[in-house]
Structures are given as C-alpha cells and as structure tokens.
All heavy atoms as atom14 arrays in JSON, in Angstrom:
{
  "sequence": "ETTYFKKFPGYYVTGDGCRRDKDGYYWITGRIDDMLNVSGHLL",
  "atom14_mask": [
    [1, 1, 1, 1, 1, 1, 1, 1, 1, 0, 0, 0, 0, 0],
    [1, 1, 1, 1, 1, 1, 1, 0, 0, 0, 0, 0, 0, 0],
    [1, 1, 1, 1, 1, 1, 1, 0, 0, 0, 0, 0, 0, 0],
    [1, 1, 1, 1, 1, 1, 1, 1, 1, 1, 1, 1, 0, 0],
    [1, 1, 1, 1, 1, 1, 1, 1, 1, 1, 1, 0, 0, 0],
    [1, 1, 1, 1, 1, 1, 1, 1, 1, 0, 0, 0, 0, 0],
    [1, 1, 1, 1, 1, 1, 1, 1, 1, 0, 0, 0, 0, 0],
    [1, 1, 1, 1, 1, 1, 1, 1, 1, 1, 1, 0, 0, 0],
    [1, 1, 1, 1, 1, 1, 1, 0, 0, 0, 0, 0, 0, 0],
    [1, 1, 1, 1, 0, 0, 0, 0, 0, 0, 0, 0, 0, 0],
    [1, 1, 1, 1, 1, 1, 1, 1, 1, 1, 1, 1, 0, 0],
    [1, 1, 1, 1, 1, 1, 1, 1, 1, 1, 1, 1, 0, 0],
    [1, 1, 1, 1, 1, 1, 1, 0, 0, 0, 0, 0, 0, 0],
    [1, 1, 1, 1, 1, 1, 1, 0, 0, 0, 0, 0, 0, 0],
    [1, 1, 1, 1, 0, 0, 0, 0, 0, 0, 0, 0, 0, 0],
    [1, 1, 1, 1, 1, 1, 1, 1, 0, 0, 0, 0, 0, 0],
    [1, 1, 1, 1, 0, 0, 0, 0, 0, 0, 0, 0, 0, 0],
    [1, 1, 1, 1, 1, 1, 0, 0, 0, 0, 0, 0, 0, 0],
    [1, 1, 1, 1, 1, 1, 1, 1, 1, 1, 1, 0, 0, 0],
    [1, 1, 1, 1, 1, 1, 1, 1, 1, 1, 1, 0, 0, 0],
    [1, 1, 1, 1, 1, 1, 1, 1, 0, 0, 0, 0, 0, 0],
    [1, 1, 1, 1, 1, 1, 1, 1, 1, 0, 0, 0, 0, 0],
    [1, 1, 1, 1, 1, 1, 1, 1, 0, 0, 0, 0, 0, 0],
    [1, 1, 1, 1, 0, 0, 0, 0, 0, 0, 0, 0, 0, 0],
    [1, 1, 1, 1, 1, 1, 1, 1, 1, 1, 1, 1, 0, 0],
    [1, 1, 1, 1, 1, 1, 1, 1, 1, 1, 1, 1, 0, 0],
    [1, 1, 1, 1, 1, 1, 1, 1, 1, 1, 1, 1, 1, 1],
    [1, 1, 1, 1, 1, 1, 1, 1, 0, 0, 0, 0, 0, 0],
    [1, 1, 1, 1, 1, 1, 1, 0, 0, 0, 0, 0, 0, 0],
    [1, 1, 1, 1, 0, 0, 0, 0, 0, 0, 0, 0, 0, 0],
    [1, 1, 1, 1, 1, 1, 1, 1, 1, 1, 1, 0, 0, 0],
    [1, 1, 1, 1, 1, 1, 1, 1, 0, 0, 0, 0, 0, 0],
    [1, 1, 1, 1, 1, 1, 1, 1, 0, 0, 0, 0, 0, 0],
    [1, 1, 1, 1, 1, 1, 1, 1, 0, 0, 0, 0, 0, 0],
    [1, 1, 1, 1, 1, 1, 1, 1, 0, 0, 0, 0, 0, 0],
    [1, 1, 1, 1, 1, 1, 1, 1, 0, 0, 0, 0, 0, 0],
    [1, 1, 1, 1, 1, 1, 1, 1, 0, 0, 0, 0, 0, 0],
    [1, 1, 1, 1, 1, 1, 1, 0, 0, 0, 0, 0, 0, 0],
    [1, 1, 1, 1, 1, 1, 0, 0, 0, 0, 0, 0, 0, 0],
    [1, 1, 1, 1, 0, 0, 0, 0, 0, 0, 0, 0, 0, 0],
    [1, 1, 1, 1, 1, 1, 1, 1, 1, 1, 0, 0, 0, 0],
    [1, 1, 1, 1, 1, 1, 1, 1, 0, 0, 0, 0, 0, 0],
    [1, 1, 1, 1, 1, 1, 1, 1, 0, 0, 0, 0, 0, 0]
  ],
  "atom14_positions": [
    [[-4.73, -36.21, -77.31], [-4.75, -37.42, -76.54], [-6.02, -38.22, -76.84], [-6.04, -39.45, -76.98], [-4.63, -37.1, -75.04], [-3.26, -36.59, -74.62], [-2.23, -37.66, -74.52], [-2.52, -38.83, -74.33], [-1.05, -37.34, -74.65], [0.0, 0.0, 0.0], [0.0, 0.0, 0.0], [0.0, 0.0, 0.0], [0.0, 0.0, 0.0], [0.0, 0.0, 0.0]],
    [[-7.16, -37.53, -76.8], [-8.46, -38.18, -76.94], [-8.58, -38.78, -78.36], [-9.0, -39.93, -78.57], [-9.61, -37.17, -76.73], [-9.51, -36.67, -75.43], [-10.96, -37.83, -77.0], [0.0, 0.0, 0.0], [0.0, 0.0, 0.0], [0.0, 0.0, 0.0], [0.0, 0.0, 0.0], [0.0, 0.0, 0.0], [0.0, 0.0, 0.0], [0.0, 0.0, 0.0]],
    [[-8.23, -38.01, -79.4], [-8.29, -38.45, -80.79], [-7.4, -39.62, -81.16], [-7.88, -40.59, -81.76], [-7.99, -37.31, -81.72], [-8.93, -36.19, -81.42], [-8.18, -37.68, -83.15], [0.0, 0.0, 0.0], [0.0, 0.0, 0.0], [0.0, 0.0, 0.0], [0.0, 0.0, 0.0], [0.0, 0.0, 0.0], [0.0, 0.0, 0.0], [0.0, 0.0, 0.0]],
    [[-6.11, -39.55, -80.68], [-5.15, -40.55, -81.17], [-4.8, -41.67, -80.2], [-4.16, -42.62, -80.57], [-3.91, -39.82, -81.58], [-4.19, -38.94, -82.8], [-4.36, -37.56, -82.61], [-4.34, -39.4, -84.05], [-4.69, -36.74, -83.69], [-4.66, -38.66, -85.18], [-4.8, -37.28, -84.93], [-5.09, -36.49, -86.0], [0.0, 0.0, 0.0], [0.0, 0.0, 0.0]],
    [[-5.2, -41.55, -78.93], [-4.78, -42.55, -77.9], [-5.96, -43.18, -77.11], [-5.72, -44.2, -76.47], [-3.76, -42.03, -77.03], [-2.49, -41.6, -77.72], [-2.2, -40.33, -78.11], [-1.5, -42.63, -78.02], [-1.09, -40.0, -78.81], [-0.33, -42.27, -78.71], [-0.12, -40.98, -79.08], [0.0, 0.0, 0.0], [0.0, 0.0, 0.0], [0.0, 0.0, 0.0]],
    [[-7.06, -42.6, -77.09], [-8.17, -43.04, -76.16], [-8.8, -44.36, -76.62], [-8.99, -45.26, -75.79], [-9.27, -42.01, -76.05], [-10.27, -42.28, -74.98], [-11.21, -41.17, -74.78], [-12.19, -41.53, -73.62], [-13.19, -40.53, -73.45], [0.0, 0.0, 0.0], [0.0, 0.0, 0.0], [0.0, 0.0, 0.0], [0.0, 0.0, 0.0], [0.0, 0.0, 0.0]],
    [[-9.06, -44.56, -77.88], [-9.72, -45.77, -78.33], [-8.94, -47.04, -77.99], [-9.53, -48.0, -77.53], [-10.01, -45.72, -79.84], [-10.78, -46.93, -80.38], [-11.35, -46.68, -81.73], [-12.14, -47.88, -82.23], [-13.43, -48.06, -81.58], [0.0, 0.0, 0.0], [0.0, 0.0, 0.0], [0.0, 0.0, 0.0], [0.0, 0.0, 0.0], [0.0, 0.0, 0.0]],
    [[-7.65, -47.0, -78.26], [-6.8, -48.18, -77.91], [-5.57, -47.69, -77.16], [-4.52, -47.34, -77.72], [-6.35, -48.87, -79.18], [-7.5, -49.36, -80.02], [-7.64, -48.91, -81.34], [-8.3, -50.37, -79.52], [-8.7, -49.4, -82.09], [-9.38, -50.86, -80.31], [-9.53, -50.41, -81.58], [0.0, 0.0, 0.0], [0.0, 0.0, 0.0], [0.0, 0.0, 0.0]],
    [[-5.69, -47.56, -75.83], [-4.56, -47.01, -75.02], [-3.25, -47.78, -75.25], [-3.24, -48.98, -75.44], [-5.05, -47.23, -73.56], [-6.52, -47.22, -73.7], [-6.84, -47.93, -74.99], [0.0, 0.0, 0.0], [0.0, 0.0, 0.0], [0.0, 0.0, 0.0], [0.0, 0.0, 0.0], [0.0, 0.0, 0.0], [0.0, 0.0, 0.0], [0.0, 0.0, 0.0]],
    [[-2.17, -47.0, -75.42], [-0.89, -47.56, -75.69], [-0.49, -47.64, -77.15], [0.62, -47.98, -77.51], [0.0, 0.0, 0.0], [0.0, 0.0, 0.0], [0.0, 0.0, 0.0], [0.0, 0.0, 0.0], [0.0, 0.0, 0.0], [0.0, 0.0, 0.0], [0.0, 0.0, 0.0], [0.0, 0.0, 0.0], [0.0, 0.0, 0.0], [0.0, 0.0, 0.0]],
    [[-1.47, -47.29, -78.01], [-1.28, -47.28, -79.45], [-1.62, -45.92, -80.02], [-2.56, -45.27, -79.52], [-2.14, -48.31, -80.14], [-1.83, -49.75, -79.83], [-2.55, -50.42, -78.85], [-0.9, -50.43, -80.55], [-2.33, -51.78, -78.55], [-0.61, -51.79, -80.27], [-1.33, -52.41, -79.25], [-1.1, -53.74, -79.01], [0.0, 0.0, 0.0], [0.0, 0.0, 0.0]],
    [[-0.94, -45.5, -81.12], [-1.3, -44.32, -81.83], [-2.32, -44.73, -82.87], [-2.02, -45.55, -83.77], [-0.04, -43.72, -82.44], [-0.31, -42.5, -83.26], [-0.25, -41.23, -82.69], [-0.63, -42.56, -84.68], [-0.49, -40.05, -83.47], [-0.82, -41.42, -85.43], [-0.74, -40.2, -84.81], [-0.95, -39.09, -85.55], [0.0, 0.0, 0.0], [0.0, 0.0, 0.0]],
    [[-3.55, -44.29, -82.79], [-4.69, -44.69, -83.67], [-4.66, -43.72, -84.87], [-4.88, -42.55, -84.69], [-5.97, -44.73, -82.95], [-7.09, -45.16, -83.89], [-5.89, -45.68, -81.76], [0.0, 0.0, 0.0], [0.0, 0.0, 0.0], [0.0, 0.0, 0.0], [0.0, 0.0, 0.0], [0.0, 0.0, 0.0], [0.0, 0.0, 0.0], [0.0, 0.0, 0.0]],
    [[-4.54, -44.27, -86.03], [-4.46, -43.39, -87.29], [-5.86, -42.97, -87.75], [-5.93, -41.98, -88.46], [-3.81, -44.2, -88.45], [-4.62, -45.29, -88.85], [-2.39, -44.63, -88.12], [0.0, 0.0, 0.0], [0.0, 0.0, 0.0], [0.0, 0.0, 0.0], [0.0, 0.0, 0.0], [0.0, 0.0, 0.0], [0.0, 0.0, 0.0], [0.0, 0.0, 0.0]],
    [[-6.86, -43.73, -87.47], [-8.18, -43.44, -87.98], [-8.47, -44.14, -89.34], [-9.43, -43.92, -89.92], [0.0, 0.0, 0.0], [0.0, 0.0, 0.0], [0.0, 0.0, 0.0], [0.0, 0.0, 0.0], [0.0, 0.0, 0.0], [0.0, 0.0, 0.0], [0.0, 0.0, 0.0], [0.0, 0.0, 0.0], [0.0, 0.0, 0.0], [0.0, 0.0, 0.0]],
    [[-7.53, -44.97, -89.72], [-7.64, -45.7, -91.0], [-7.86, -47.21, -90.76], [-7.32, -47.78, -89.79], [-6.39, -45.53, -91.87], [-6.2, -44.15, -92.38], [-7.18, -43.52, -92.89], [-5.07, -43.65, -92.29], [0.0, 0.0, 0.0], [0.0, 0.0, 0.0], [0.0, 0.0, 0.0], [0.0, 0.0, 0.0], [0.0, 0.0, 0.0], [0.0, 0.0, 0.0]],
    [[-8.57, -47.77, -91.67], [-8.73, -49.26, -91.69], [-7.53, -49.78, -92.48], [-6.93, -49.07, -93.32], [0.0, 0.0, 0.0], [0.0, 0.0, 0.0], [0.0, 0.0, 0.0], [0.0, 0.0, 0.0], [0.0, 0.0, 0.0], [0.0, 0.0, 0.0], [0.0, 0.0, 0.0], [0.0, 0.0, 0.0], [0.0, 0.0, 0.0], [0.0, 0.0, 0.0]],
    [[-7.16, -51.04, -92.27], [-6.02, -51.6, -92.91], [-6.19, -53.07, -93.11], [-6.84, -53.75, -92.29], [-4.79, -51.28, -92.1], [-3.24, -51.84, -92.81], [0.0, 0.0, 0.0], [0.0, 0.0, 0.0], [0.0, 0.0, 0.0], [0.0, 0.0, 0.0], [0.0, 0.0, 0.0], [0.0, 0.0, 0.0], [0.0, 0.0, 0.0], [0.0, 0.0, 0.0]],
    [[-5.62, -53.62, -94.19], [-5.56, -55.02, -94.44], [-4.08, -55.44, -94.65], [-3.36, -54.7, -95.3], [-6.4, -55.36, -95.7], [-6.38, -56.79, -96.08], [-7.35, -57.07, -97.23], [-7.09, -56.25, -98.42], [-6.22, -56.64, -99.35], [-5.61, -57.78, -99.32], [-6.03, -55.91, -100.45], [0.0, 0.0, 0.0], [0.0, 0.0, 0.0], [0.0, 0.0, 0.0]],
    [[-3.74, -56.53, -94.03], [-2.37, -57.05, -94.25], [-2.55, -58.39, -94.99], [-3.3, -59.24, -94.6], [-1.64, -57.28, -92.93], [-0.2, -57.74, -93.14], [0.56, -57.79, -91.78], [-0.21, -58.49, -90.74], [-0.48, -57.92, -89.56], [0.05, -56.76, -89.22], [-1.21, -58.56, -88.64], [0.0, 0.0, 0.0], [0.0, 0.0, 0.0], [0.0, 0.0, 0.0]],
    [[-1.87, -58.49, -96.14], [-1.99, -59.73, -96.96], [-1.0, -60.82, -96.51], [-0.2, -60.62, -95.6], [-1.91, -59.41, -98.46], [-0.59, -58.95, -98.93], [0.42, -59.18, -98.2], [-0.52, -58.34, -99.98], [0.0, 0.0, 0.0], [0.0, 0.0, 0.0], [0.0, 0.0, 0.0], [0.0, 0.0, 0.0], [0.0, 0.0, 0.0], [0.0, 0.0, 0.0]],
    [[-1.0, -61.95, -97.21], [-0.17, -63.09, -96.79], [1.28, -62.82, -96.98], [2.12, -63.47, -96.4], [-0.57, -64.32, -97.63], [-0.41, -64.24, -99.15], [-0.87, -65.49, -99.84], [-0.77, -65.39, -101.34], [0.51, -65.03, -101.87], [0.0, 0.0, 0.0], [0.0, 0.0, 0.0], [0.0, 0.0, 0.0], [0.0, 0.0, 0.0], [0.0, 0.0, 0.0]],
    [[1.62, -61.82, -97.82], [3.05, -61.44, -98.02], [3.51, -60.42, -97.02], [4.68, -59.93, -97.13], [3.23, -60.97, -99.43], [2.95, -62.1, -100.46], [3.34, -63.23, -100.21], [2.32, -61.74, -101.46], [0.0, 0.0, 0.0], [0.0, 0.0, 0.0], [0.0, 0.0, 0.0], [0.0, 0.0, 0.0], [0.0, 0.0, 0.0], [0.0, 0.0, 0.0]],
    [[2.64, -59.94, -96.18], [2.99, -58.91, -95.16], [2.8, -57.49, -95.63], [3.18, -56.56, -94.92], [0.0, 0.0, 0.0], [0.0, 0.0, 0.0], [0.0, 0.0, 0.0], [0.0, 0.0, 0.0], [0.0, 0.0, 0.0], [0.0, 0.0, 0.0], [0.0, 0.0, 0.0], [0.0, 0.0, 0.0], [0.0, 0.0, 0.0], [0.0, 0.0, 0.0]],
    [[2.25, -57.3, -96.82], [2.04, -55.94, -97.33], [0.8, -55.36, -96.65], [-0.19, -56.03, -96.4], [1.72, -55.93, -98.84], [2.94, -56.13, -99.7], [3.37, -57.39, -100.06], [3.68, -55.03, -100.06], [4.46, -57.61, -100.92], [4.86, -55.21, -100.87], [5.2, -56.45, -101.26], [6.3, -56.64, -102.02], [0.0, 0.0, 0.0], [0.0, 0.0, 0.0]],
    [[0.83, -54.05, -96.29], [-0.22, -53.33, -95.62], [-0.95, -52.57, -96.71], [-0.4, -51.88, -97.56], [0.31, -52.36, -94.6], [0.84, -53.03, -93.37], [2.09, -53.6, -93.31], [0.0, -53.1, -92.22], [2.51, -54.21, -92.14], [0.45, -53.69, -91.05], [1.71, -54.3, -91.09], [2.18, -54.95, -89.94], [0.0, 0.0, 0.0], [0.0, 0.0, 0.0]],
    [[-2.32, -52.68, -96.72], [-3.23, -52.02, -97.64], [-4.16, -51.09, -96.84], [-4.91, -51.58, -96.02], [-4.03, -53.03, -98.38], [-3.23, -53.99, -99.21], [-2.51, -55.04, -98.73], [-3.05, -54.02, -100.61], [-1.91, -55.75, -99.76], [-2.25, -55.08, -100.94], [-3.56, -53.22, -101.64], [-1.89, -55.37, -102.27], [-3.22, -53.51, -102.93], [-2.4, -54.61, -103.28]],
    [[-4.07, -49.81, -97.05], [-4.96, -48.86, -96.37], [-6.33, -48.98, -97.05], [-6.43, -48.8, -98.24], [-4.45, -47.45, -96.43], [-2.97, -47.3, -96.0], [-5.34, -46.49, -95.66], [-2.73, -47.74, -94.54], [0.0, 0.0, 0.0], [0.0, 0.0, 0.0], [0.0, 0.0, 0.0], [0.0, 0.0, 0.0], [0.0, 0.0, 0.0], [0.0, 0.0, 0.0]],
    [[-7.33, -49.27, -96.26], [-8.67, -49.43, -96.81], [-9.6, -48.28, -96.69], [-10.69, -48.25, -97.19], [-9.37, -50.69, -96.12], [-9.45, -50.49, -94.77], [-8.6, -51.96, -96.49], [0.0, 0.0, 0.0], [0.0, 0.0, 0.0], [0.0, 0.0, 0.0], [0.0, 0.0, 0.0], [0.0, 0.0, 0.0], [0.0, 0.0, 0.0], [0.0, 0.0, 0.0]],
    [[-9.16, -47.24, -96.01], [-9.96, -46.0, -95.92], [-10.16, -45.59, -94.49], [-9.82, -46.24, -93.55], [0.0, 0.0, 0.0], [0.0, 0.0, 0.0], [0.0, 0.0, 0.0], [0.0, 0.0, 0.0], [0.0, 0.0, 0.0], [0.0, 0.0, 0.0], [0.0, 0.0, 0.0], [0.0, 0.0, 0.0], [0.0, 0.0, 0.0], [0.0, 0.0, 0.0]],
    [[-10.83, -44.41, -94.34], [-11.08, -43.9, -93.02], [-12.13, -44.74, -92.29], [-13.14, -45.12, -92.87], [-11.6, -42.47, -93.2], [-10.67, -41.48, -93.78], [-9.42, -41.21, -93.01], [-9.83, -40.65, -91.69], [-9.0, -40.64, -90.63], [-7.78, -41.08, -90.75], [-9.35, -40.12, -89.52], [0.0, 0.0, 0.0], [0.0, 0.0, 0.0], [0.0, 0.0, 0.0]],
    [[-11.84, -45.01, -91.02], [-12.8, -45.82, -90.28], [-14.02, -45.01, -89.84], [-15.06, -45.57, -89.5], [-12.13, -46.48, -89.03], [-11.49, -45.43, -88.14], [-11.16, -47.57, -89.44], [-10.91, -46.0, -86.85], [0.0, 0.0, 0.0], [0.0, 0.0, 0.0], [0.0, 0.0, 0.0], [0.0, 0.0, 0.0], [0.0, 0.0, 0.0], [0.0, 0.0, 0.0]],
    [[-13.87, -43.72, -89.82], [-15.01, -42.86, -89.51], [-15.87, -42.49, -90.66], [-16.83, -41.76, -90.57], [-14.53, -41.62, -88.76], [-13.51, -40.78, -89.55], [-13.15, -41.19, -90.64], [-13.1, -39.74, -89.02], [0.0, 0.0, 0.0], [0.0, 0.0, 0.0], [0.0, 0.0, 0.0], [0.0, 0.0, 0.0], [0.0, 0.0, 0.0], [0.0, 0.0, 0.0]],
    [[-15.46, -42.9, -91.89], [-16.26, -42.62, -93.1], [-17.25, -43.75, -93.4], [-17.03, -44.51, -94.31], [-15.27, -42.41, -94.27], [-15.89, -41.59, -95.36], [-16.98, -41.09, -95.2], [-15.23, -41.42, -96.38], [0.0, 0.0, 0.0], [0.0, 0.0, 0.0], [0.0, 0.0, 0.0], [0.0, 0.0, 0.0], [0.0, 0.0, 0.0], [0.0, 0.0, 0.0]],
    [[-18.23, -43.83, -92.51], [-19.22, -44.94, -92.58], [-20.63, -44.36, -92.89], [-20.92, -43.25, -92.54], [-19.24, -45.68, -91.3], [-17.87, -46.22, -90.8], [-17.21, -47.48, -91.89], [-18.11, -48.88, -91.27], [0.0, 0.0, 0.0], [0.0, 0.0, 0.0], [0.0, 0.0, 0.0], [0.0, 0.0, 0.0], [0.0, 0.0, 0.0], [0.0, 0.0, 0.0]],
    [[-21.45, -45.27, -93.53], [-22.81, -44.94, -93.79], [-23.74, -45.88, -93.07], [-23.38, -47.09, -93.0], [-23.07, -44.99, -95.29], [-22.16, -44.17, -96.17], [-22.3, -44.6, -97.65], [-22.57, -42.7, -96.04], [0.0, 0.0, 0.0], [0.0, 0.0, 0.0], [0.0, 0.0, 0.0], [0.0, 0.0, 0.0], [0.0, 0.0, 0.0], [0.0, 0.0, 0.0]],
    [[-24.87, -45.43, -92.63], [-25.83, -46.32, -92.07], [-27.0, -46.46, -92.97], [-27.87, -45.54, -93.03], [-26.26, -45.84, -90.64], [-27.0, -46.92, -89.88], [-27.61, -47.85, -90.42], [-27.19, -46.62, -88.58], [0.0, 0.0, 0.0], [0.0, 0.0, 0.0], [0.0, 0.0, 0.0], [0.0, 0.0, 0.0], [0.0, 0.0, 0.0], [0.0, 0.0, 0.0]],
    [[-27.11, -47.55, -93.76], [-28.16, -47.74, -94.72], [-29.04, -48.85, -94.21], [-28.62, -50.02, -94.16], [-27.58, -48.1, -96.14], [-28.7, -48.28, -97.16], [-26.64, -46.96, -96.58], [0.0, 0.0, 0.0], [0.0, 0.0, 0.0], [0.0, 0.0, 0.0], [0.0, 0.0, 0.0], [0.0, 0.0, 0.0], [0.0, 0.0, 0.0], [0.0, 0.0, 0.0]],
    [[-30.26, -48.54, -93.84], [-31.25, -49.56, -93.36], [-30.72, -50.36, -92.26], [-30.87, -51.59, -92.18], [-31.68, -50.44, -94.51], [-32.41, -49.68, -95.48], [0.0, 0.0, 0.0], [0.0, 0.0, 0.0], [0.0, 0.0, 0.0], [0.0, 0.0, 0.0], [0.0, 0.0, 0.0], [0.0, 0.0, 0.0], [0.0, 0.0, 0.0], [0.0, 0.0, 0.0]],
    [[-29.9, -49.78, -91.34], [-29.4, -50.48, -90.21], [-28.1, -51.18, -90.49], [-27.55, -51.85, -89.65], [0.0, 0.0, 0.0], [0.0, 0.0, 0.0], [0.0, 0.0, 0.0], [0.0, 0.0, 0.0], [0.0, 0.0, 0.0], [0.0, 0.0, 0.0], [0.0, 0.0, 0.0], [0.0, 0.0, 0.0], [0.0, 0.0, 0.0], [0.0, 0.0, 0.0]],
    [[-27.61, -51.1, -91.72], [-26.31, -51.75, -92.08], [-25.22, -50.68, -92.16], [-25.38, -49.72, -92.88], [-26.41, -52.43, -93.46], [-27.46, -53.54, -93.45], [-27.22, -54.72, -92.95], [-28.72, -53.51, -93.96], [-28.32, -55.51, -93.13], [-29.19, -54.73, -93.7], [0.0, 0.0, 0.0], [0.0, 0.0, 0.0], [0.0, 0.0, 0.0], [0.0, 0.0, 0.0]],
    [[-24.16, -50.89, -91.39], [-23.04, -50.01, -91.38], [-22.06, -50.28, -92.55], [-21.54, -51.41, -92.61], [-22.3, -50.07, -90.03], [-21.42, -48.94, -89.69], [-22.24, -47.62, -89.6], [-20.86, -49.18, -88.3], [0.0, 0.0, 0.0], [0.0, 0.0, 0.0], [0.0, 0.0, 0.0], [0.0, 0.0, 0.0], [0.0, 0.0, 0.0], [0.0, 0.0, 0.0]],
    [[-21.95, -49.33, -93.47], [-21.12, -49.63, -94.68], [-19.97, -48.6, -94.76], [-20.16, -47.42, -94.47], [-21.95, -49.49, -95.93], [-23.18, -50.37, -96.07], [-23.96, -49.92, -97.3], [-22.75, -51.77, -96.18], [0.0, 0.0, 0.0], [0.0, 0.0, 0.0], [0.0, 0.0, 0.0], [0.0, 0.0, 0.0], [0.0, 0.0, 0.0], [0.0, 0.0, 0.0]]
  ]
}
C-alpha cells in the first residue's frame, strides 16, 4: 500500500517516469527513484 498507492492516492504508482508524445505514444524514461544529487542539482 505504501509503495504503490501512498504518493498519489487513487492511482497505482509504477515508480517510472514517462513521456507522452503528440501522437499519444507513451515513452518510459526510467525509474523516478534513480536520481543523483550533483552539486545540488537533481539529475
């Protein structure tokens, strides 16, 4: 429950970032928790 529903109640959160293009295609951009903090910049 905590992992998949707490961040956005009512939605199943995959843990992935995503981009939808003008044609409606979904592009998985990677894990949202796979981030680096370089000199205060979250990458």
